[in-house]
Protein backbone atom coordinates (compact mmCIF):
# COMPACT_ATOMS: atom_id res chain seq x y z
CA MET A 1 23.79 26.54 -24.03
CA LYS A 2 23.88 25.64 -20.39
CA PRO A 3 23.89 28.67 -18.10
CA ASP A 4 27.06 29.26 -16.14
CA ILE A 5 26.80 28.01 -12.58
CA THR A 6 27.98 30.43 -9.94
CA ALA A 7 30.17 29.38 -7.04
CA GLY A 8 27.16 29.57 -4.74
CA GLY A 9 25.07 27.46 -7.10
CA ARG A 10 27.81 24.86 -7.37
CA THR A 11 28.12 24.71 -3.59
CA PHE A 12 24.37 24.25 -3.29
CA GLN A 13 24.46 21.40 -5.82
CA ILE A 14 27.25 19.63 -3.94
CA ILE A 15 25.41 19.94 -0.64
CA ASN A 16 22.13 18.90 -2.24
CA TYR A 17 23.60 15.80 -3.90
CA THR A 18 25.40 14.85 -0.69
CA VAL A 19 22.25 15.11 1.40
CA MET A 20 20.22 13.16 -1.18
CA PHE A 21 22.89 10.45 -1.32
CA ILE A 22 22.87 10.10 2.46
CA LEU A 23 19.08 9.92 2.48
CA CYS A 24 19.13 7.24 -0.22
CA LEU A 25 21.57 5.17 1.84
CA THR A 26 19.35 5.63 4.88
CA PHE A 27 16.36 4.28 2.98
CA ILE A 28 18.13 1.47 1.13
CA TYR A 29 20.46 0.08 3.81
CA PRO A 30 17.76 -1.47 6.07
CA PHE A 31 16.42 -3.43 3.09
CA VAL A 32 19.92 -4.56 2.03
CA TYR A 33 20.80 -5.53 5.61
CA THR A 34 17.58 -7.49 6.04
CA LEU A 35 18.29 -9.37 2.80
CA ALA A 36 21.85 -10.13 3.91
CA VAL A 37 20.72 -11.42 7.31
CA SER A 38 18.01 -13.61 5.80
CA LEU A 39 20.61 -15.31 3.58
CA SER A 40 23.36 -15.71 6.20
CA ASP A 41 23.92 -18.63 8.56
CA ALA A 42 23.63 -18.47 12.33
CA LYS A 43 27.38 -18.43 12.99
CA HIS A 44 28.09 -15.17 11.17
CA ILE A 45 24.94 -13.49 12.50
CA LEU A 46 25.95 -14.30 16.09
CA GLU A 47 29.42 -12.94 15.38
CA GLY A 48 27.85 -9.68 14.16
CA SER A 49 29.84 -9.79 10.93
CA VAL A 50 26.90 -9.39 8.54
CA PHE A 51 26.51 -5.85 7.20
CA LEU A 52 26.00 -5.57 3.43
CA PHE A 53 26.48 -9.04 1.96
CA PRO A 54 25.39 -12.50 3.12
CA LYS A 55 27.98 -14.65 4.87
CA GLY A 56 27.64 -18.40 4.96
CA PHE A 57 24.98 -18.29 2.27
CA THR A 58 21.92 -20.38 3.10
CA LEU A 59 18.26 -20.51 2.11
CA SER A 60 17.17 -22.35 5.25
CA ALA A 61 15.19 -19.39 6.57
CA TYR A 62 13.22 -19.11 3.34
CA ARG A 63 12.59 -22.86 3.32
CA ALA A 64 11.23 -22.59 6.85
CA VAL A 65 8.99 -19.65 6.01
CA LEU A 66 7.69 -21.02 2.70
CA SER A 67 7.05 -24.48 4.17
CA ASP A 68 4.42 -22.97 6.46
CA GLN A 69 1.08 -23.73 4.80
CA GLY A 70 -0.62 -21.09 6.92
CA LEU A 71 1.66 -18.44 5.46
CA LEU A 72 0.93 -19.50 1.89
CA HIS A 73 -2.80 -19.41 2.63
CA SER A 74 -2.46 -15.94 4.15
CA LEU A 75 -0.49 -14.83 1.10
CA PHE A 76 -3.29 -16.00 -1.20
CA PHE A 77 -6.01 -14.44 0.97
CA THR A 78 -4.17 -11.12 1.17
CA ALA A 79 -3.70 -11.10 -2.60
CA MET A 80 -7.44 -11.69 -3.07
CA LEU A 81 -8.21 -8.99 -0.49
CA THR A 82 -5.95 -6.54 -2.30
CA VAL A 83 -7.49 -7.21 -5.71
CA CYS A 84 -11.10 -7.09 -4.49
CA GLY A 85 -10.47 -4.17 -2.15
CA VAL A 86 -8.70 -2.04 -4.76
CA ALA A 87 -11.47 -2.70 -7.29
CA ALA A 88 -14.19 -1.76 -4.79
CA SER A 89 -12.33 1.32 -3.56
CA ILE A 90 -11.56 2.65 -7.04
CA ILE A 91 -15.18 2.21 -8.15
CA MET A 92 -16.63 3.82 -5.02
CA THR A 93 -14.09 6.66 -4.98
CA THR A 94 -14.74 7.43 -8.65
CA LEU A 95 -18.51 7.39 -8.21
CA ALA A 96 -18.21 9.74 -5.22
CA ALA A 97 -15.61 12.08 -6.73
CA TYR A 98 -17.35 12.76 -10.03
CA PRO A 99 -20.53 14.46 -8.72
CA LEU A 100 -18.60 16.25 -5.97
CA SER A 101 -16.23 17.70 -8.57
CA ARG A 102 -19.09 19.37 -10.45
CA THR A 103 -19.67 22.95 -9.31
CA GLY A 104 -23.30 22.81 -10.41
CA LEU A 105 -24.25 20.32 -7.69
CA LYS A 106 -26.01 22.11 -4.83
CA GLY A 107 -24.59 21.51 -1.38
CA THR A 108 -21.20 20.34 -2.65
CA GLY A 109 -19.35 22.65 -0.27
CA ILE A 110 -21.23 21.37 2.78
CA ILE A 111 -20.80 17.74 1.73
CA LEU A 112 -17.06 18.20 1.23
CA ARG A 113 -16.71 19.88 4.62
CA LEU A 114 -18.49 16.96 6.28
CA ILE A 115 -16.23 14.52 4.44
CA VAL A 116 -13.08 16.40 5.49
CA PHE A 117 -14.42 16.46 9.06
CA THR A 118 -14.07 12.68 9.17
CA MET A 119 -10.31 13.04 8.63
CA TYR A 120 -9.99 14.60 12.08
CA PHE A 121 -12.84 12.99 14.03
CA ASN A 122 -14.46 9.57 13.75
CA GLY A 123 -16.89 7.42 15.67
CA GLY A 124 -14.20 5.48 17.50
CA ILE A 125 -13.14 1.85 17.53
CA ILE A 126 -15.99 0.42 19.62
CA PRO A 127 -18.87 2.02 17.64
CA THR A 128 -17.20 0.95 14.39
CA TYR A 129 -16.80 -2.60 15.68
CA LEU A 130 -20.47 -2.72 16.74
CA LEU A 131 -21.51 -1.41 13.32
CA VAL A 132 -19.48 -4.09 11.54
CA LYS A 133 -20.94 -6.73 13.85
CA ASN A 134 -24.55 -5.59 13.33
CA LEU A 135 -24.03 -5.62 9.57
CA GLY A 136 -22.98 -9.26 9.78
CA LEU A 137 -19.52 -8.58 8.40
CA LEU A 138 -17.45 -10.00 11.26
CA ASP A 139 -14.94 -12.64 10.19
CA THR A 140 -15.50 -11.92 6.50
CA MET A 141 -13.46 -10.21 3.82
CA GLY A 142 -16.13 -7.52 3.70
CA ALA A 143 -15.14 -6.38 7.19
CA LEU A 144 -11.72 -5.48 5.81
CA ILE A 145 -13.07 -3.64 2.77
CA TRP A 146 -16.31 -1.77 3.40
CA PRO A 147 -15.58 0.21 6.61
CA ASP A 148 -12.71 2.04 4.86
CA VAL A 149 -13.64 1.52 1.23
CA ILE A 150 -13.10 5.25 0.52
CA GLN A 151 -10.16 7.13 2.00
CA THR A 152 -10.90 10.82 2.37
CA PHE A 153 -7.46 12.01 1.30
CA LEU A 154 -7.57 9.96 -1.90
CA LEU A 155 -11.12 11.11 -2.60
CA ILE A 156 -9.95 14.72 -2.42
CA ILE A 157 -7.09 13.98 -4.84
CA MET A 158 -9.52 12.50 -7.36
CA ILE A 159 -11.97 15.39 -6.94
CA SER A 160 -9.16 17.86 -7.62
CA TYR A 161 -8.14 15.97 -10.75
CA PHE A 162 -11.70 15.76 -12.08
CA ARG A 163 -12.13 19.50 -11.63
CA GLY A 164 -9.21 20.07 -13.98
CA ILE A 165 -10.88 18.24 -16.86
CA PRO A 166 -12.45 20.80 -19.27
CA VAL A 167 -16.19 21.17 -18.80
CA GLU A 168 -16.55 21.70 -22.56
CA LEU A 169 -15.96 17.98 -23.10
CA GLU A 170 -18.99 17.14 -20.97
CA GLU A 171 -21.13 19.78 -22.64
CA ALA A 172 -20.26 18.43 -26.07
CA ALA A 173 -21.12 14.90 -24.93
CA LYS A 174 -24.47 16.04 -23.54
CA VAL A 175 -25.29 17.68 -26.86
CA GLU A 176 -24.71 14.29 -28.47
CA GLY A 177 -27.18 12.76 -26.02
CA CYS A 178 -24.71 11.11 -23.64
CA SER A 179 -25.93 10.49 -20.08
CA ASN A 180 -24.03 11.52 -16.95
CA PHE A 181 -22.94 7.94 -16.35
CA GLY A 182 -21.88 7.64 -19.98
CA ILE A 183 -19.80 10.81 -19.65
CA LEU A 184 -18.11 9.39 -16.57
CA VAL A 185 -17.30 6.04 -18.17
CA LYS A 186 -16.45 7.17 -21.71
CA ILE A 187 -14.78 10.55 -21.09
CA ILE A 188 -13.78 11.20 -17.48
CA VAL A 189 -12.35 7.80 -16.56
CA PRO A 190 -10.14 7.44 -19.68
CA LEU A 191 -8.72 10.93 -19.05
CA ALA A 192 -8.14 10.13 -15.38
CA LYS A 193 -5.82 7.14 -15.82
CA PRO A 194 -2.87 8.86 -14.07
CA VAL A 195 -4.81 9.68 -10.91
CA ILE A 196 -6.53 6.28 -10.94
CA ALA A 197 -3.12 4.58 -11.11
CA THR A 198 -2.00 6.72 -8.18
CA LEU A 199 -4.98 5.66 -6.13
CA VAL A 200 -4.46 2.02 -7.10
CA ILE A 201 -0.99 2.13 -5.53
CA TYR A 202 -2.20 3.82 -2.36
CA TYR A 203 -5.15 1.47 -1.93
CA ALA A 204 -3.08 -1.62 -2.79
CA VAL A 205 -0.47 -0.79 -0.17
CA SER A 206 -3.23 -0.12 2.37
CA TYR A 207 -4.95 -3.47 1.80
CA TRP A 208 -1.70 -5.42 1.53
CA ASN A 209 -0.46 -4.03 4.86
CA MET A 210 -3.82 -4.32 6.64
CA PHE A 211 -3.26 -5.26 10.27
CA GLN A 212 -5.44 -3.40 12.78
CA GLN A 213 -8.74 -4.13 11.04
CA ALA A 214 -7.84 -7.80 10.61
CA LEU A 215 -6.85 -7.98 14.27
CA MET A 216 -10.25 -6.61 15.34
CA TYR A 217 -12.65 -8.22 12.87
CA ILE A 218 -11.13 -11.59 11.90
CA GLN A 219 -11.18 -14.67 14.13
CA SER A 220 -10.77 -17.51 11.64
CA PRO A 221 -7.14 -18.46 10.81
CA ALA A 222 -8.31 -19.08 7.24
CA ARG A 223 -8.84 -15.32 6.87
CA TYR A 224 -5.67 -14.05 8.53
CA THR A 225 -3.95 -11.38 6.48
CA LEU A 226 -0.26 -11.55 5.72
CA GLN A 227 0.54 -8.94 8.35
CA ILE A 228 -1.27 -10.92 11.06
CA LYS A 229 0.69 -13.99 10.03
CA LEU A 230 3.91 -11.97 10.06
CA TYR A 231 3.12 -10.82 13.60
CA GLN A 232 2.52 -14.40 14.71
CA VAL A 233 5.70 -15.70 13.11
CA LEU A 234 7.87 -12.95 14.60
CA ASN A 235 6.38 -13.16 18.08
CA VAL A 236 4.75 -16.56 18.60
CA PHE A 237 5.59 -19.31 16.13
CA GLN A 238 9.33 -18.91 15.52
CA GLN A 239 10.12 -22.17 17.30
CA ASP A 240 7.48 -24.05 15.30
CA LEU A 241 9.04 -22.93 12.03
CA THR A 242 12.53 -23.88 13.22
CA ASN A 243 11.30 -27.33 14.27
CA SER A 244 9.99 -27.93 10.75
CA LEU A 245 13.57 -27.98 9.41
CA ASP A 246 15.94 -30.91 9.35
CA ALA A 247 18.78 -30.98 11.88
CA ALA A 248 21.41 -29.64 9.47
CA SER A 249 19.29 -26.70 8.34
CA ALA A 250 18.10 -25.88 11.87
CA LYS A 251 21.68 -25.15 12.91
CA THR A 252 21.87 -22.32 10.38
CA VAL A 253 18.59 -20.65 11.36
CA LEU A 254 18.06 -18.02 14.06
CA PRO A 255 15.05 -15.82 14.83
CA GLU A 256 16.89 -13.06 12.96
CA ASN A 257 16.98 -15.20 9.80
CA LEU A 258 13.29 -15.92 10.06
CA LYS A 259 12.41 -12.29 10.68
CA GLY A 260 14.40 -11.13 7.68
CA ALA A 261 13.01 -13.81 5.37
CA MET A 262 9.44 -13.19 6.52
CA VAL A 263 9.70 -9.42 6.11
CA LEU A 264 11.04 -9.78 2.57
CA VAL A 265 8.45 -12.38 1.57
CA THR A 266 5.67 -10.01 2.66
CA ALA A 267 7.23 -6.86 1.17
CA VAL A 268 8.59 -7.98 -2.21
CA PRO A 269 5.24 -8.65 -3.97
CA ILE A 270 3.92 -5.13 -3.42
CA LEU A 271 7.31 -3.63 -4.34
CA PHE A 272 7.07 -5.22 -7.80
CA VAL A 273 3.86 -3.31 -8.53
CA TYR A 274 5.38 0.15 -8.15
CA PRO A 275 7.77 0.19 -11.16
CA TRP A 276 4.89 -0.59 -13.54
CA LEU A 277 2.82 2.32 -12.26
CA GLN A 278 5.60 4.75 -11.36
CA LYS A 279 5.06 7.17 -14.26
CA TYR A 280 1.32 7.36 -13.54
CA PHE A 281 1.98 7.71 -9.81
CA ILE A 282 4.23 10.76 -10.18
CA LYS A 283 2.05 12.38 -12.84
CA GLY A 284 -1.14 11.76 -10.91
CA VAL A 285 0.12 13.18 -7.63
CA THR A 286 1.66 16.23 -9.31
CA ILE A 287 -1.31 17.10 -11.51
CA GLY A 288 -3.81 16.30 -8.78
CA SER A 289 -2.11 18.62 -6.33
CA LEU A 290 -1.70 21.45 -8.85
CA LYS A 291 -5.30 21.29 -9.97
CA GLY A 292 -6.46 21.29 -6.35
């Protein structure tokens, strides 16, 4: 039987649902509006009559954006960066989190304090740039991966999760002659799929949206990330994209169309990843925080 809801409880539910509904609209409307603008022609955009649905439906803005070979190259490079970066970050974070999660390791407390210290203070932009330069990583994909290959916050989440795995499993494996690395690969990692999936999402979003590091370390247009290309399109090359269209299509395209189309082209790929990992994401964050 469902418990009877008091008048106060019912009032709270109404207020709660109302607030959540308003928040959902606040989050969803910008995306819907951007989609509508990207699919509308110049006339209706100039009139200010586009709100929820496209008016004067046209794909000219998307044709302009997708006809840019530089954008397609940046899309491919960013996808490669995301795949390689996530793989490197997950491996390095796992290798760092496992020993730090074991209470038997001497100096763990000091090491963790030093790691947390880097969340509040760092060497600064110039020393980091000089370090990347001296390592020979400038204008390479490595410059976008190795300086931030492990994020402290995500490392702490994984450490917290590993600490919640029963020690008895490791002891039983050691009795059977399993090495520490074997325990990590055969026992810890399979049990840590939820938190690994959580970290995959965080790292993937970080690499996909990488802008500042690419702006500092990359000079070759062949290695521009998608966000750098987005910045150029929105602020520098709008006229070049418009000129690539035929006369009929150019009349239906405004900077607003191009901005909307470009934003959606860069955002949609990473949005498709989330539904596949959603259950792991929620479970990993919840369990990781509770076990911490």
